[in-house]
Amino acid sequence: MSTHSSLERSLHGHSLVPSSHSLHHPQLAEPAFYYFAYGSCMCPVDLKRTLGENTCPYVVGHATLRNYRLRFSRRSLRRNCGALDVVPDPGSTVEGVLYQIPWRLSDRLDEREEVPRGGYRHEMIEVDARGRTFANVRTYVVIDKLPEELAPNDWYFNVVMRGAVTCGLPEQYCWQLFNHMHTLQQQQSWKQNLKSA
């Protein structure tokens, strides 16, 4: 798709941020919690819009969640398109970004994830990052999952990819993520064309 050609060039050109160049591990002077982002919140710039302050200092780095896989299980109310979820799947992994977020921003993050409206709920997980295991990490999972995956729109597609590339997720995973979203969009377009034929 032409709308994603710049991301294709970025990945093809190996312009990913190397893991060794991940942002420093913040040592916050205030109460905080660990948060694993796997969707649009992987992008610190987009997360800044929600939390109202620069989130780059809160990035711990690239992290791996084991025995889960990605799935577009929810229709985003704000974006009217598919939104990502993680579902248990032994042997699978989800790559994402580990943050250390001040507790005072917890309600804003819950609001973004539509927790008050029954969209997502907290799930406490373990992730591997920076050569160690982090326990009691918060992530968000969809409560009422769609029976079939719903494609993301171009905006969601691009912000997810921007977060994955910017925060140095493995190149192979970035390509898998790109192909998953692109395939869903193609399938949705094909179904819409059949309906209108």
Protein backbone atom coordinates (compact mmCIF):
# COMPACT_ATOMS: atom_id res chain seq x y z
CA MET A 1 0.00 0.00 0.00
CA SER A 2 1.31 3.39 -0.91
CA THR A 3 0.30 4.90 2.44
CA HIS A 4 2.78 2.62 4.15
CA SER A 5 5.65 2.91 1.67
CA SER A 6 7.72 5.11 4.00
CA LEU A 7 7.53 2.44 6.70
CA GLU A 8 8.54 -0.20 4.17
CA ARG A 9 11.54 1.92 3.21
CA SER A 10 12.41 2.48 6.86
CA LEU A 11 12.35 -1.23 7.64
CA HIS A 12 14.11 -2.18 4.43
CA GLY A 13 16.79 0.38 5.14
CA HIS A 14 17.50 -1.11 8.58
CA SER A 15 16.86 2.24 10.24
CA LEU A 16 15.64 0.57 13.41
CA VAL A 17 17.02 1.85 16.68
CA PRO A 18 19.44 -0.86 17.91
CA SER A 19 18.54 -2.46 21.24
CA SER A 20 21.79 -1.25 22.74
CA HIS A 21 20.66 2.30 22.04
CA SER A 22 17.39 1.98 23.97
CA LEU A 23 16.54 4.94 26.11
CA HIS A 24 17.99 4.89 29.63
CA HIS A 25 16.06 3.21 32.41
CA PRO A 26 14.37 6.02 34.30
CA GLN A 27 14.78 6.29 38.04
CA LEU A 28 11.61 8.12 38.98
CA ALA A 29 11.54 10.01 42.25
CA GLU A 30 7.79 9.45 42.57
CA PRO A 31 5.61 6.32 42.91
CA ALA A 32 5.38 4.52 39.57
CA PHE A 33 4.23 1.30 37.91
CA TYR A 34 5.56 -0.73 35.00
CA TYR A 35 3.41 -0.77 31.88
CA PHE A 36 3.81 -2.95 28.78
CA ALA A 37 2.53 -1.37 25.55
CA TYR A 38 2.05 -3.46 22.41
CA GLY A 39 -0.19 -1.24 20.25
CA SER A 40 -0.47 2.49 19.60
CA CYS A 41 0.98 3.31 23.04
CA MET A 42 4.34 1.93 21.89
CA CYS A 43 4.76 5.35 20.27
CA PRO A 44 5.90 7.79 23.00
CA VAL A 45 4.73 10.75 20.92
CA ASP A 46 1.19 9.38 20.71
CA LEU A 47 1.19 8.43 24.40
CA LYS A 48 2.23 12.00 25.21
CA ARG A 49 -1.08 13.22 23.75
CA THR A 50 -2.94 11.11 26.32
CA LEU A 51 -0.79 11.67 29.38
CA GLY A 52 -0.17 15.37 28.73
CA GLU A 53 3.59 15.27 29.24
CA ASN A 54 6.74 13.97 27.60
CA THR A 55 6.79 10.18 27.95
CA CYS A 56 10.24 9.48 26.45
CA PRO A 57 11.91 9.61 29.92
CA TYR A 58 9.51 6.84 31.04
CA VAL A 59 10.64 4.36 28.37
CA VAL A 60 12.58 1.45 29.88
CA GLY A 61 13.06 -0.20 26.49
CA HIS A 62 12.04 -3.02 24.19
CA ALA A 63 10.35 -5.89 26.07
CA THR A 64 9.09 -9.39 25.29
CA LEU A 65 5.86 -10.93 26.56
CA ARG A 66 5.91 -14.72 26.33
CA ASN A 67 2.99 -17.12 25.72
CA TYR A 68 0.70 -14.45 24.23
CA ARG A 69 -0.03 -13.34 20.67
CA LEU A 70 -1.47 -10.21 19.10
CA ARG A 71 -5.07 -10.07 17.88
CA PHE A 72 -7.31 -7.25 16.65
CA SER A 73 -10.10 -8.14 19.09
CA ARG A 74 -11.87 -4.79 19.58
CA ARG A 75 -13.49 -2.01 17.61
CA SER A 76 -11.99 1.24 18.88
CA LEU A 77 -14.78 3.65 19.78
CA ARG A 78 -12.64 6.71 19.05
CA ARG A 79 -11.12 5.49 15.79
CA ASN A 80 -13.91 3.22 14.49
CA CYS A 81 -11.46 0.50 13.46
CA GLY A 82 -9.81 -2.61 14.83
CA ALA A 83 -7.65 -2.21 17.93
CA LEU A 84 -4.99 -4.56 19.25
CA ASP A 85 -5.30 -7.03 22.08
CA VAL A 86 -3.07 -9.77 23.50
CA VAL A 87 -4.48 -13.27 24.00
CA PRO A 88 -2.87 -16.30 25.67
CA ASP A 89 -1.10 -18.57 23.19
CA PRO A 90 1.57 -20.99 24.52
CA GLY A 91 4.83 -20.70 22.63
CA SER A 92 4.03 -17.34 21.01
CA THR A 93 5.58 -13.99 21.89
CA VAL A 94 4.53 -10.36 21.69
CA GLU A 95 7.17 -7.65 21.41
CA GLY A 96 6.46 -4.23 22.84
CA VAL A 97 7.69 -1.34 24.92
CA LEU A 98 8.13 -1.32 28.69
CA TYR A 99 7.42 1.99 30.43
CA GLN A 100 7.77 3.12 34.03
CA ILE A 101 4.79 5.44 34.46
CA PRO A 102 4.09 7.71 37.46
CA TRP A 103 1.03 6.55 39.40
CA ARG A 104 -0.52 10.01 39.06
CA LEU A 105 -1.02 9.22 35.34
CA SER A 106 -2.73 5.86 35.91
CA ASP A 107 -6.28 7.21 35.49
CA ARG A 108 -5.39 8.92 32.21
CA LEU A 109 -3.97 5.67 30.85
CA ASP A 110 -7.11 3.79 31.96
CA GLU A 111 -9.25 6.39 30.19
CA ARG A 112 -7.28 5.97 26.97
CA GLU A 113 -7.79 2.20 27.16
CA GLU A 114 -11.54 2.68 27.72
CA VAL A 115 -11.41 0.91 31.08
CA PRO A 116 -14.29 2.99 32.54
CA ARG A 117 -16.45 1.99 29.53
CA GLY A 118 -15.63 -1.70 29.73
CA GLY A 119 -13.26 -1.77 26.75
CA TYR A 120 -10.07 -3.12 28.29
CA ARG A 121 -9.08 -4.34 31.74
CA HIS A 122 -5.77 -4.56 33.58
CA GLU A 123 -3.79 -7.79 33.32
CA MET A 124 -0.65 -8.28 35.37
CA ILE A 125 2.13 -10.01 33.44
CA GLU A 126 5.87 -10.68 33.37
CA VAL A 127 8.08 -9.37 30.57
CA ASP A 128 11.75 -9.71 29.70
CA ALA A 129 13.63 -6.45 29.11
CA ARG A 130 17.17 -5.17 29.49
CA GLY A 131 18.46 -8.64 30.36
CA ARG A 132 16.09 -9.29 33.26
CA THR A 133 12.51 -10.26 34.05
CA PHE A 134 10.09 -7.60 35.24
CA ALA A 135 7.16 -8.90 37.31
CA ASN A 136 3.86 -7.23 38.20
CA VAL A 137 3.77 -5.35 34.91
CA ARG A 138 0.44 -3.84 33.87
CA THR A 139 -0.92 -4.35 30.39
CA TYR A 140 -4.43 -4.07 28.98
CA VAL A 141 -6.56 -6.82 27.44
CA VAL A 142 -9.91 -6.59 25.65
CA ILE A 143 -12.90 -7.71 27.73
CA ASP A 144 -15.48 -8.50 25.02
CA LYS A 145 -13.47 -9.90 22.14
CA LEU A 146 -14.79 -9.79 18.57
CA PRO A 147 -15.34 -13.22 16.99
CA GLU A 148 -13.21 -12.17 13.99
CA GLU A 149 -10.31 -9.76 13.78
CA LEU A 150 -11.14 -6.24 12.60
CA ALA A 151 -8.64 -4.36 10.44
CA PRO A 152 -6.99 -1.17 11.70
CA ASN A 153 -7.38 2.08 9.79
CA ASP A 154 -4.33 3.76 8.23
CA TRP A 155 -3.81 6.09 11.19
CA TYR A 156 -3.69 3.24 13.71
CA PHE A 157 -1.54 1.17 11.34
CA ASN A 158 1.02 3.95 11.05
CA VAL A 159 1.21 4.91 14.73
CA VAL A 160 1.71 1.26 15.75
CA MET A 161 4.51 0.86 13.21
CA ARG A 162 6.10 4.16 14.22
CA GLY A 163 6.22 3.04 17.86
CA ALA A 164 7.64 -0.37 16.94
CA VAL A 165 10.40 1.10 14.76
CA THR A 166 11.23 4.07 17.01
CA CYS A 167 11.61 1.94 20.14
CA GLY A 168 13.77 -0.67 18.47
CA LEU A 169 11.60 -3.76 18.24
CA PRO A 170 13.30 -6.60 16.31
CA GLU A 171 13.16 -6.08 12.55
CA GLN A 172 11.60 -9.49 11.86
CA TYR A 173 8.82 -8.76 14.34
CA CYS A 174 8.20 -5.34 12.77
CA TRP A 175 7.74 -7.03 9.41
CA GLN A 176 5.36 -9.61 10.93
CA LEU A 177 3.34 -6.80 12.50
CA PHE A 178 3.29 -4.87 9.22
CA ASN A 179 2.15 -7.95 7.26
CA HIS A 180 -0.53 -8.86 9.82
CA MET A 181 -2.13 -5.41 9.65
CA HIS A 182 -1.72 -5.11 5.88
CA THR A 183 -3.36 -8.52 5.33
CA LEU A 184 -6.33 -7.58 7.54
CA GLN A 185 -6.80 -4.35 5.58
CA GLN A 186 -6.70 -6.22 2.27
CA GLN A 187 -9.24 -8.78 3.51
CA GLN A 188 -11.56 -6.05 4.74
CA SER A 189 -11.30 -4.18 1.44
CA TRP A 190 -12.04 -7.38 -0.46
CA LYS A 191 -15.16 -8.05 1.67
CA GLN A 192 -16.40 -4.48 1.17
CA ASN A 193 -15.93 -4.78 -2.59
CA LEU A 194 -17.95 -7.99 -2.61
CA LYS A 195 -20.79 -6.29 -0.73
CA SER A 196 -20.87 -3.35 -3.09
CA ALA A 197 -20.66 -5.50 -6.24
